[in-house]
Structures are given as structure tokens and as C-alpha cells.
Protein backbone atom coordinates (compact mmCIF):
# COMPACT_ATOMS: atom_id res chain seq x y z
CA MET A 1 187.45 40.98 127.99
CA ALA A 2 189.85 43.20 126.04
CA PHE A 3 188.55 45.24 123.14
CA SER A 4 190.28 47.18 120.39
CA ASP A 5 188.91 50.57 119.47
CA PRO A 6 190.35 52.12 116.28
CA LEU A 7 188.19 55.25 116.67
CA SER A 8 189.60 56.10 120.09
CA ASN A 9 193.14 55.85 118.72
CA LEU A 10 192.33 58.12 115.75
CA ILE A 11 190.87 60.91 117.89
CA GLY A 12 193.17 60.53 120.90
CA LEU A 13 190.37 59.57 123.28
CA GLU A 14 192.25 56.87 125.17
CA GLY A 15 192.88 56.04 128.81
CA TYR A 16 190.82 56.86 131.90
CA ALA A 17 191.22 59.09 134.93
CA THR A 18 190.79 56.21 137.40
CA ASP A 19 192.16 52.69 137.71
CA THR A 20 188.73 51.01 137.87
CA LYS A 21 186.78 48.46 135.83
CA GLY A 22 183.71 50.38 134.63
CA ILE A 23 180.21 49.09 133.95
CA GLY A 24 180.16 48.71 130.16
CA GLY A 25 176.72 49.19 128.62
CA LEU A 26 175.15 50.72 125.53
CA LEU A 27 173.82 54.28 125.16
CA LYS A 28 170.97 55.42 122.88
CA SER A 29 169.37 51.96 122.66
CA ARG A 30 166.17 53.99 122.54
CA VAL A 31 166.02 57.56 121.27
CA THR A 32 164.30 58.52 124.54
CA ASP A 33 167.22 57.08 126.56
CA PHE A 34 169.25 60.22 125.79
CA ARG A 35 167.66 63.53 126.77
CA VAL A 36 169.33 66.93 126.60
CA GLU A 37 167.83 70.18 127.83
CA GLU A 38 169.76 73.36 127.11
CA ILE A 39 170.25 75.66 130.10
CA SER A 40 169.83 78.94 128.24
CA THR A 41 171.31 82.34 128.98
CA PRO A 42 168.44 84.84 129.20
CA LEU A 43 167.38 86.49 125.93
CA HIS A 44 165.82 89.94 126.08
CA LEU A 45 162.39 89.63 124.46
CA GLU A 46 161.18 92.68 122.58
CA PRO A 47 157.73 92.78 120.91
CA ARG A 48 159.15 94.73 117.97
CA GLY A 49 162.26 92.56 117.67
CA ARG A 50 163.44 91.40 114.27
CA PHE A 51 163.93 87.74 115.19
CA THR A 52 161.57 84.98 116.35
CA VAL A 53 162.64 83.10 119.51
CA ALA A 54 161.47 79.49 119.76
CA LYS A 55 162.10 76.63 122.17
CA ILE A 56 162.30 73.58 119.90
CA THR A 57 162.25 69.92 120.99
CA LEU A 58 163.77 67.53 118.46
CA THR A 59 163.50 63.75 118.57
CA ASN A 60 166.16 61.91 116.55
CA TRP A 61 167.22 64.98 114.53
CA GLU A 62 170.79 66.07 113.81
CA THR A 63 170.91 69.84 114.41
CA ASN A 64 172.43 70.81 111.05
CA ARG A 65 169.95 68.71 109.07
CA PHE A 66 167.03 70.13 111.05
CA CYS A 67 168.20 73.68 110.26
CA THR A 68 168.49 72.83 106.56
CA ASN A 69 164.93 71.44 106.53
CA LEU A 70 163.57 74.36 108.57
CA ALA A 71 165.18 76.90 106.22
CA ARG A 72 163.67 75.11 103.22
CA THR A 73 160.22 75.05 104.87
CA LEU A 74 160.39 78.76 105.76
CA LYS A 75 161.95 79.64 102.36
CA ILE A 76 164.83 81.51 104.00
CA PRO A 77 168.63 81.08 103.76
CA ARG A 78 169.98 78.64 106.32
CA ASN A 79 172.31 81.28 107.76
CA ARG A 80 169.26 83.13 109.12
CA ILE A 81 168.76 80.42 111.76
CA PHE A 82 170.85 80.79 114.94
CA PHE A 83 171.46 78.38 117.83
CA ALA A 84 173.95 77.97 120.66
CA GLY A 85 175.26 74.46 120.01
CA THR A 86 174.76 71.24 118.08
CA LYS A 87 173.21 68.32 119.97
CA ASP A 88 173.33 64.55 119.61
CA LYS A 89 171.17 63.15 116.82
CA ARG A 90 169.84 59.96 118.44
CA ALA A 91 168.32 61.81 121.36
CA VAL A 92 165.48 64.00 122.56
CA THR A 93 166.90 67.53 122.66
CA GLN A 94 165.42 70.85 123.73
CA GLN A 95 167.09 74.16 122.89
CA LEU A 96 166.53 77.76 121.86
CA PHE A 97 166.58 78.85 118.22
CA VAL A 98 166.57 82.45 117.01
CA ILE A 99 165.07 82.64 113.52
CA ASP A 100 165.06 85.57 111.12
CA ALA A 101 161.53 84.88 109.92
CA ASN A 102 157.92 85.87 110.57
CA GLN A 103 156.71 84.60 113.95
CA ASN A 104 153.43 83.25 112.55
CA LYS A 105 155.24 81.37 109.79
CA VAL A 106 157.53 79.69 112.34
CA ALA A 107 154.51 78.78 114.47
CA GLU A 108 152.86 77.10 111.48
CA VAL A 109 155.83 74.84 110.70
CA GLU A 110 154.97 71.16 110.96
CA MET A 111 157.75 68.59 110.77
CA PRO A 112 157.84 65.01 112.10
CA ASP A 113 159.24 64.65 115.64
CA VAL A 114 159.57 68.42 116.06
CA GLU A 115 157.77 70.50 118.71
CA ILE A 116 158.00 74.30 118.36
CA GLU A 117 157.08 76.62 121.22
CA ILE A 118 157.18 80.32 120.28
CA LEU A 119 158.60 82.44 123.12
CA GLY A 120 158.44 85.85 121.44
CA ARG A 121 160.67 88.18 119.47
CA THR A 122 164.13 89.64 120.08
CA HIS A 123 166.82 91.84 118.54
CA GLN A 124 169.53 89.43 119.78
CA LYS A 125 171.20 86.69 117.77
CA ILE A 126 172.74 83.70 119.52
CA GLY A 127 175.78 81.66 118.52
CA PHE A 128 178.00 78.82 119.67
CA GLY A 129 178.52 78.88 123.42
CA ASN A 130 175.71 81.37 124.12
CA HIS A 131 174.21 79.10 126.77
CA ARG A 132 175.14 78.17 130.32
CA GLY A 133 175.23 74.44 129.74
CA ASN A 134 173.03 71.38 129.37
CA ARG A 135 170.99 69.12 131.63
CA PHE A 136 171.22 65.41 130.75
CA THR A 137 169.17 62.31 131.54
CA ILE A 138 170.87 59.28 129.98
CA VAL A 139 170.30 55.53 130.32
CA ALA A 140 173.13 53.01 129.87
CA ARG A 141 171.53 49.62 129.11
CA GLY A 142 173.10 46.18 129.34
CA CYS A 143 175.84 46.83 131.91
CA CYS A 144 178.34 43.98 132.15
CA HIS A 145 181.62 42.90 133.71
CA GLU A 146 184.92 42.92 131.81
CA ASP A 147 184.45 39.21 131.05
CA GLY A 148 181.11 39.92 129.33
CA THR A 149 178.83 38.53 132.04
CA PRO A 150 175.83 40.71 132.99
CA MET A 151 176.00 43.01 136.02
CA THR A 152 173.28 43.15 138.64
CA GLU A 153 171.82 46.53 139.57
CA LYS A 154 173.74 46.52 142.86
CA GLU A 155 177.04 45.67 141.15
CA ALA A 156 176.58 48.43 138.59
CA LEU A 157 175.59 51.07 141.16
CA ASP A 158 178.48 50.05 143.45
CA GLU A 159 180.97 50.42 140.57
CA VAL A 160 179.58 53.84 139.63
CA GLU A 161 179.91 54.94 143.26
CA LEU A 162 183.52 53.67 143.38
CA ILE A 163 184.47 55.50 140.17
CA LYS A 164 182.84 58.72 141.39
CA MET A 165 184.79 58.45 144.65
CA ARG A 166 188.08 57.82 142.79
CA LEU A 167 187.46 60.76 140.44
CA ASP A 168 186.85 63.02 143.44
CA GLU A 169 190.00 61.74 145.15
CA SER A 170 192.32 62.09 142.15
CA LEU A 171 190.96 65.24 140.45
CA GLY A 172 188.78 67.04 143.00
CA SER A 173 185.06 67.06 143.74
CA ASN A 174 182.85 66.68 140.63
CA LEU A 175 185.70 67.04 138.12
CA PHE A 176 186.56 64.87 135.12
CA PRO A 177 189.01 65.10 132.18
CA ASN A 178 187.75 67.64 129.64
CA TRP A 179 188.09 65.27 126.67
CA ILE A 180 186.52 66.37 123.38
CA GLY A 181 183.90 63.78 122.55
CA PRO A 182 183.53 61.49 119.52
CA GLN A 183 180.61 63.46 118.05
CA ARG A 184 183.04 66.32 117.28
CA PHE A 185 184.77 63.97 114.82
CA GLY A 186 181.90 61.95 113.32
CA SER A 187 181.47 58.81 115.42
CA GLY A 188 180.66 56.39 112.58
CA ARG A 189 183.27 57.99 110.33
CA PRO A 190 185.83 60.29 111.98
CA VAL A 191 186.23 62.40 108.86
CA THR A 192 186.10 65.99 110.09
CA ALA A 193 189.67 66.15 111.46
CA GLU A 194 191.00 64.43 108.32
CA VAL A 195 189.31 67.06 106.13
CA GLY A 196 190.70 69.82 108.37
CA LYS A 197 194.24 68.46 108.04
CA HIS A 198 193.99 68.65 104.23
CA ILE A 199 192.45 72.14 104.32
CA ILE A 200 195.20 73.73 106.41
CA ALA A 201 197.77 72.12 104.07
CA ASN A 202 195.94 73.61 101.01
CA ARG A 203 195.11 70.11 99.70
CA TRP A 204 191.57 70.89 98.55
CA LYS A 205 191.07 67.85 96.33
CA ASP A 206 192.10 65.55 99.19
CA ALA A 207 189.78 67.47 101.55
CA ALA A 208 186.71 67.18 99.30
CA MET A 209 187.38 63.55 98.37
CA ALA A 210 187.90 62.65 102.04
CA TYR A 211 184.53 64.13 103.01
CA ILE A 212 182.70 62.39 100.18
CA SER A 213 184.47 59.04 100.07
CA MET A 214 186.61 58.29 103.14
CA GLN A 215 185.84 54.82 104.46
CA GLY A 216 183.90 54.72 107.72
CA ILE A 217 184.36 52.48 110.75
CA SER A 218 180.69 51.53 111.08
CA GLU A 219 178.49 52.66 108.20
CA LYS A 220 175.63 50.95 106.38
CA GLU A 221 176.40 48.73 103.41
CA ASP A 222 174.88 51.06 100.78
CA VAL A 223 176.91 53.98 102.16
CA GLU A 224 180.11 51.91 102.09
CA GLU A 225 179.39 50.92 98.47
CA PHE A 226 178.81 54.53 97.45
CA ARG A 227 182.01 55.77 99.10
CA LYS A 228 184.08 52.97 97.54
CA PHE A 229 182.60 53.77 94.11
CA VAL A 230 183.72 57.40 94.43
CA ARG A 231 187.18 56.34 95.65
CA ASP A 232 187.52 54.06 92.60
CA ASN A 233 185.88 56.26 89.95
CA GLY A 234 186.02 59.83 91.22
CA PRO A 235 183.12 62.30 91.53
CA VAL A 236 181.23 61.21 88.39
CA GLN A 237 177.56 61.35 87.36
CA GLU A 238 177.09 57.64 88.06
CA ALA A 239 177.89 58.27 91.74
CA LEU A 240 174.78 60.49 91.98
CA GLU A 241 172.66 57.57 90.82
CA ILE A 242 173.68 55.35 93.74
CA ILE A 243 174.12 57.91 96.54
CA PRO A 244 171.89 57.12 99.57
CA GLN A 245 169.31 59.88 99.88
CA TRP A 246 170.27 60.97 103.41
CA LEU A 247 173.83 61.93 102.35
CA GLY A 248 172.64 65.44 101.49
CA PHE A 249 175.97 67.23 102.02
CA GLU A 250 177.88 64.71 99.91
CA LYS A 251 175.21 65.02 97.18
CA ARG A 252 175.61 68.80 97.00
CA MET A 253 179.39 68.46 96.83
CA LEU A 254 179.14 65.87 94.05
CA GLU A 255 176.73 68.04 92.05
CA GLN A 256 179.19 70.94 92.29
CA LEU A 257 182.09 68.78 91.06
CA ILE A 258 180.05 67.36 88.17
CA LYS A 259 178.99 70.88 87.16
CA LYS A 260 182.50 72.33 87.66
CA PRO A 261 185.13 69.55 87.57
CA ASP A 262 188.15 70.26 89.79
CA ASP A 263 186.33 73.01 91.74
CA TRP A 264 187.44 71.38 94.97
CA VAL A 265 187.18 74.58 97.04
CA GLY A 266 183.65 75.11 95.71
CA ALA A 267 182.77 71.58 96.82
CA ILE A 268 183.90 72.30 100.38
CA LEU A 269 181.89 75.54 100.30
CA LYS A 270 178.76 73.44 99.73
CA LEU A 271 179.05 72.28 103.35
CA PRO A 272 177.24 74.46 105.95
CA ASN A 273 179.55 77.18 107.29
CA ASN A 274 179.58 75.74 110.81
CA LEU A 275 180.51 72.29 109.45
CA GLN A 276 183.36 73.81 107.42
CA LEU A 277 184.63 75.42 110.62
CA MET A 278 184.16 72.16 112.52
CA THR A 279 186.75 70.46 110.29
CA ILE A 280 189.40 72.86 111.64
CA HIS A 281 188.10 72.59 115.20
CA ALA A 282 188.16 68.79 114.97
CA LEU A 283 191.83 68.81 113.96
CA GLN A 284 192.65 71.09 116.89
CA SER A 285 190.61 68.76 119.10
CA VAL A 286 192.69 65.69 118.18
CA VAL A 287 195.81 67.61 119.27
CA PHE A 288 194.11 68.45 122.57
CA ASN A 289 192.94 64.88 123.25
CA LYS A 290 196.29 63.32 122.39
CA SER A 291 198.12 65.87 124.57
CA LEU A 292 195.77 65.18 127.49
CA ASN A 293 196.21 61.42 127.09
CA SER A 294 200.00 61.75 126.97
CA ARG A 295 199.95 63.92 130.09
CA ILE A 296 197.89 61.33 131.98
CA ASN A 297 200.27 58.56 130.80
CA ALA A 298 203.22 60.63 132.00
CA LYS A 299 201.59 60.71 135.48
CA LEU A 300 201.41 64.50 135.47
CA PRO A 301 198.42 65.98 137.33
CA ILE A 302 195.65 67.44 135.17
CA SER A 303 193.55 69.35 137.70
CA THR A 304 196.52 71.01 139.44
CA PRO A 305 199.50 72.66 137.73
CA VAL A 306 203.16 71.89 137.31
CA ILE A 307 205.86 74.47 136.60
CA GLY A 308 205.65 75.61 132.97
CA ASP A 309 201.87 75.07 132.65
CA LEU A 310 199.62 77.70 131.13
CA VAL A 311 196.77 78.20 133.60
CA GLY A 312 193.58 80.17 132.93
CA ARG A 313 190.66 81.63 134.87
CA ILE A 314 187.33 79.76 135.07
CA ASP A 315 184.31 82.09 134.96
CA GLU A 316 180.95 81.78 136.72
CA LYS A 317 179.55 79.72 133.79
CA GLY A 318 182.36 77.18 134.15
CA GLN A 319 184.09 78.49 131.01
CA LEU A 320 187.80 79.10 130.57
CA ASP A 321 188.83 82.68 129.84
CA ALA A 322 191.63 81.70 127.45
CA SER A 323 192.91 85.30 127.24
CA SER A 324 193.75 85.18 130.94
CA CYS A 325 196.32 82.35 130.71
CA ILE A 326 199.55 82.82 132.64
CA MET A 327 202.59 80.57 132.91
CA VAL A 328 203.23 78.90 136.25
CA GLU A 329 206.63 79.59 137.79
CA GLN A 330 208.28 78.16 140.89
CA ARG A 331 207.38 81.23 142.96
CA THR A 332 203.72 81.29 141.85
CA LEU A 333 203.09 77.53 142.01
CA PRO A 334 201.61 77.38 145.56
CA ARG A 335 199.17 80.26 144.95
CA VAL A 336 198.09 78.97 141.51
CA GLU A 337 197.70 75.44 142.86
CA ARG A 338 195.46 76.73 145.66
CA ASN A 339 193.24 78.57 143.17
CA CYS A 340 193.01 75.47 140.97
CA VAL A 341 191.78 73.45 143.96
CA LEU A 342 189.18 76.18 144.62
CA GLY A 343 187.97 75.92 141.00
CA ARG A 344 188.99 79.47 140.08
CA LEU A 345 191.81 78.41 137.74
CA SER A 346 192.58 75.36 135.59
CA PRO A 347 195.62 73.96 133.80
CA THR A 348 195.07 74.04 130.03
CA GLY A 349 195.92 72.11 126.87
CA PRO A 350 196.45 73.27 123.28
CA LEU A 351 193.94 73.95 120.52
CA PRO A 352 196.69 75.04 118.13
CA GLY A 353 196.61 77.90 115.63
CA SER A 354 198.74 80.67 114.15
CA GLU A 355 199.36 82.40 117.51
CA ILE A 356 198.97 79.54 120.01
CA SER A 357 201.46 79.23 122.82
CA THR A 358 202.49 75.88 124.20
CA CYS A 359 203.46 75.23 127.81
CA GLU A 360 207.08 75.07 128.90
CA GLY A 361 208.84 72.35 130.85
CA GLU A 362 207.64 68.76 130.90
CA SER A 363 204.04 69.55 129.93
CA GLY A 364 205.29 71.74 127.07
CA ASP A 365 207.47 68.90 125.79
CA ILE A 366 204.37 66.68 125.69
CA GLU A 367 202.38 69.25 123.70
CA LYS A 368 205.18 69.91 121.21
CA GLN A 369 205.75 66.18 120.69
CA THR A 370 202.03 65.64 119.99
CA ILE A 371 202.09 68.40 117.34
CA ARG A 372 205.22 66.85 115.77
CA ASP A 373 203.69 63.35 115.80
CA MET A 374 200.65 64.70 113.91
CA GLU A 375 202.97 66.42 111.36
CA LEU A 376 201.54 69.83 112.19
CA GLU A 377 204.69 71.62 113.34
CA ASP A 378 204.91 73.54 110.03
CA ALA A 379 201.20 74.39 109.78
CA ASN A 380 200.48 78.13 109.91
CA TRP A 381 196.70 77.70 110.28
CA TYR A 382 195.97 80.51 107.83
CA ILE A 383 193.60 79.37 105.08
CA GLU A 384 194.01 81.69 102.13
CA ARG A 385 191.17 80.29 100.00
CA ILE A 386 188.59 80.53 102.83
CA PRO A 387 190.07 83.05 105.31
CA ARG A 388 187.18 82.76 107.80
CA LEU A 389 188.40 79.22 108.57
CA SER A 390 191.79 80.52 109.73
CA THR A 391 192.42 80.25 113.45
CA LYS A 392 194.79 81.89 115.90
CA GLY A 393 194.32 78.96 118.27
CA THR A 394 193.38 78.95 121.91
CA ARG A 395 193.66 76.89 125.10
CA ARG A 396 191.15 74.50 126.70
CA ALA A 397 190.86 73.54 130.37
CA LEU A 398 192.22 70.04 131.06
CA VAL A 399 189.38 69.30 133.50
CA THR A 400 185.78 70.42 133.74
CA SER A 401 183.04 70.08 136.33
CA PHE A 402 179.71 68.28 136.42
CA GLY A 403 176.83 68.98 138.79
CA ASP A 404 173.51 67.64 140.13
CA PHE A 405 174.82 64.09 139.71
CA HIS A 406 172.28 61.36 140.46
CA VAL A 407 172.24 57.68 139.54
CA ASP A 408 169.47 55.09 139.73
CA THR A 409 168.28 52.12 137.70
CA VAL A 410 165.44 51.51 135.26
CA PRO A 411 163.85 48.16 134.32
CA ILE A 412 165.46 45.86 131.78
CA VAL A 413 163.39 45.67 128.60
CA ASN A 414 163.89 43.81 125.34
CA ASP A 415 161.30 44.89 122.81
CA ASP A 416 160.82 46.53 119.42
CA THR A 417 161.45 50.03 120.79
CA LEU A 418 165.16 49.22 121.15
CA GLY A 419 167.37 50.16 118.21
CA THR A 420 169.32 48.20 115.60
CA LYS A 421 172.50 47.87 117.69
CA TRP A 422 170.52 46.29 120.50
CA GLN A 423 168.62 43.96 118.18
CA GLN A 424 171.89 42.78 116.61
CA GLY A 425 173.30 41.87 120.02
CA PRO A 426 176.84 42.29 121.37
CA GLY A 427 179.67 41.69 118.90
CA GLU A 428 183.06 40.19 119.69
CA ASN A 429 184.53 43.67 120.13
CA SER A 430 181.95 45.14 122.50
CA ARG A 431 181.17 45.36 126.20
CA TRP A 432 177.47 45.00 126.96
CA HIS A 433 175.00 42.22 127.70
CA PRO A 434 171.21 42.27 127.07
CA GLU A 435 170.53 40.86 130.55
CA GLY A 436 172.69 43.44 132.34
CA ALA A 437 171.44 46.22 134.61
CA CYS A 438 170.21 49.51 133.15
CA VAL A 439 171.64 52.58 134.90
CA ARG A 440 170.18 56.07 134.54
CA PHE A 441 172.54 59.03 134.95
CA ARG A 442 171.35 62.60 135.58
CA PHE A 443 173.75 65.54 135.63
CA THR A 444 174.49 69.01 134.30
CA LEU A 445 177.51 70.17 132.29
CA SER A 446 178.75 73.59 131.23
CA SER A 447 178.70 74.31 127.50
CA GLY A 448 181.62 72.84 125.59
CA SER A 449 181.77 69.72 127.79
CA TYR A 450 180.64 66.31 126.53
CA ALA A 451 178.22 63.99 128.30
CA THR A 452 179.64 61.01 126.42
CA THR A 453 183.14 61.63 127.77
CA LEU A 454 181.86 61.82 131.35
CA LEU A 455 179.90 58.58 130.89
CA ARG A 456 182.93 57.00 129.21
CA GLU A 457 184.77 57.33 132.56
CA PHE A 458 182.03 55.23 134.17
CA MET A 459 181.37 52.78 131.30
CA GLN A 460 184.92 52.10 130.01
CA CYS A 461 183.70 50.60 126.74
CA PRO A 462 184.38 51.09 123.00
CA LEU A 463 183.38 54.55 121.75
CA GLY A 464 180.86 52.97 119.37
CA GLN A 465 178.71 52.15 122.40
CA LEU A 466 178.46 55.79 123.52
């Protein structure tokens, strides 16, 4: 059963590390099927600290929207809430927040599907990447064969075991390609990279209009109607009358443009700061994914180096020290290769910027061609109107590790607790079956790695099912 997947083509997330068949299946059929627990780096608690530290469990909350609501409840600016990373929306997530607000006020907050446990006070802020990683428990329901027929539990578990063995053989024990996952781009509407491409080219009208009105791949009918209205009529008052209420960011941008027509930069500034930055990161991420895919297609290794590669050190948290990158030469190849096998070093791919280096040799040709294909060879990545969005660029490891990997099965259910996708049943361009086995994966990942891209290697299904 072949399927087309326009999203995977747009964000470069194509191809697999093994020549296997996968198990198909559907993630997030239930909110509780996707659980994430942040593995925090220790915070120094201080009774007289300025900030409140809280462990917060969110059920079916997108991190940015939760922070907006929390700030409104506490009557503080949103930029006084700090966290180490955004999590999946349709999930149960547990992570640390550092909040510049009175401890008692935070303890009194009541919001639906939010549990707040006060840990104390601190003088430390936290930011993106200030955690060791995440622990996942994820259920893939409705596993099926490539022809669409349901898989038994034994067939599904056997295929998972085969893929795990092939990954270990081809890349090394507990390694997988370090793809950047679909949530970085907006899985229903991969708009962030498109906005970023306009921003670095100083096309602010195109950037704002793309965020508000770009057509999605799988959005609800009322959202599609709203976006089409804006595409046809522009950011006018009438658009505010039909905007679905949960499109809060788009609403704020529209209000700005109605108040100050043609203030396209001001409209972008209505997005949260981290979401503005994510548009640039998403564009860099497409370059990385497409380079990685091209390298795999060229049959070059991704966990061990070739001459001309830029290779960097992996620290004790599983993170790449991008400042340590060195170029592999003929004389250093055996030593570097040995350290890559030991997990101390990793070949890298580009997250381009004003000072980014590309590899040399065959891998360098692949990276340069990807940048040319995306029409970014003339980009200088300096953003004069919002300088904090400028980037020097960096490198990202081509592979990353996973740990504590366990797989078992859970019972098949078909009841009202399963979400809309499940109730609608498989479409012609999908790979899952309601009578198929349900496989539960448990594993840990370092921060910056994506659970969905690891599971994609096992499921081999359209990205809309992840």
C-alpha cells in the first residue's frame, strides 16, 4: 500500500535508515497514549529566591498557549515564565517551569487539565535545552501491514525487533537518524519554515500573510474558510468576525494590521518571542533534514565520517558541542571514526546562518546543493528589523541515541475515549487498521531529539499519523 505524503516532502523528512516494512499505526489516538516526562537538570532551590519553581503536568495543552493563559491568570507578562522546551500538545506532559511570580499565587492557580506542584524558590532561570532529556511512554494503535491488513501482536513485535536489530547493525547500538520532527514545522500546517524564509529575505508582508492565511494540509473546515477569506480579502475587519476562537496568535496579528495597516513587522512581533525565533529555526531545520535525506540516498554513512565531514564532540548529556567541530582529513579518519563508534564524536549536518561552515568533499557538495535548491545561497541570515532573530548558524549531529528501550502491547479498544482521527477510520492515504495490534514503546531521549522521528523509523507511515 503506497502512500503520498506532501508534508514529508515539504520538511525534508523522507526515507528511512533501514530497508524494512514497518508496523504502521496511529499515535495520540488517546491523549493518554502519549506521555512525556522531562528529565530535569538540578535547580538550586533557595528559600529567598526570586522565582517560583513548579513541576506542572499538562493534559492536552500546547506549551505556548498554556504559558499565555498562565500569564493572564497571574497578571504577569508572558516573558516572566521560563521553561526548558516545548512539548507535544495532544499528550500528557510533565516539566519544570520557573515563574517570576509569588509562590502562593502560583499555588492557587486552577486551570482545566493542569496539575501544579510547587517545588520551592530559586534565583535561576531556565531556557531551551536546560534539561537532560525526556522519558516517553507512547502507544501506537492499529498496526497494519503495507497492504492495509491488520497485524497481530506477534507480527508487530517481531517487526519492531527486526528494525531495532537493523538500526543497531547499520548505525550502531541504540542510534537513529537525528531528524528534526514535524512538530517543529506545524504538523497540520507546516507554516513556520515558510514564514522564516520570508523573514530572512525581508519580505514582511509575505511573512505575516503566510502565518495568518497559508493553506494547511489537514485543518478544520472553519479554519480553512477563515484562511481563504484572508487570502482573498486581506487582513480586514470582517476576518475578525469569522476567525475561530482558538486562533489566538492570528487574531492578535489581525488586530494589529487593522489598527495599523501595513505594519507587517508589528504583526510578526505579536507572536511570542520563542515562536518568532522558531520560524528561523524551522527554516534551518528543513535544510538539515533535506541534507540528511540526500546523504542517506547517496549511500554515505551517517554515524561514521567520510573525508571532508565536520565532526563534533558529544557531551555527557548526549548533546553536540558545535564549537568543537573539526574537519576530517585522510590522516585523521581512522582515529575520528573510532571515536564516533565509541559515541564520543558524531558527523554533523548544517543549520545554516551568517557564519556557518559546510563540509568539504562529497558530503559538502550535498549540503551546498541543498542550500542552492532551497534558494538560500544568497541569504545572509541577518534580520535588520528584528536583530534578535539573526543567526550565525550551527551544526547538528546526524545521529542521536535513545535509551531504556522497551516494547510491549496493550489491549485493542474501540470506544469514545479514542479521538476524531480514530473515529473517522483510515483514509485512502493512510496506514493503520482499527483491528491491528497496539504496541507500547518506552524510551528516553536527550533534549533536542524527537520521539516522533524515532517512532517513524518503526512505523513507516504518513507523518499525519505521528
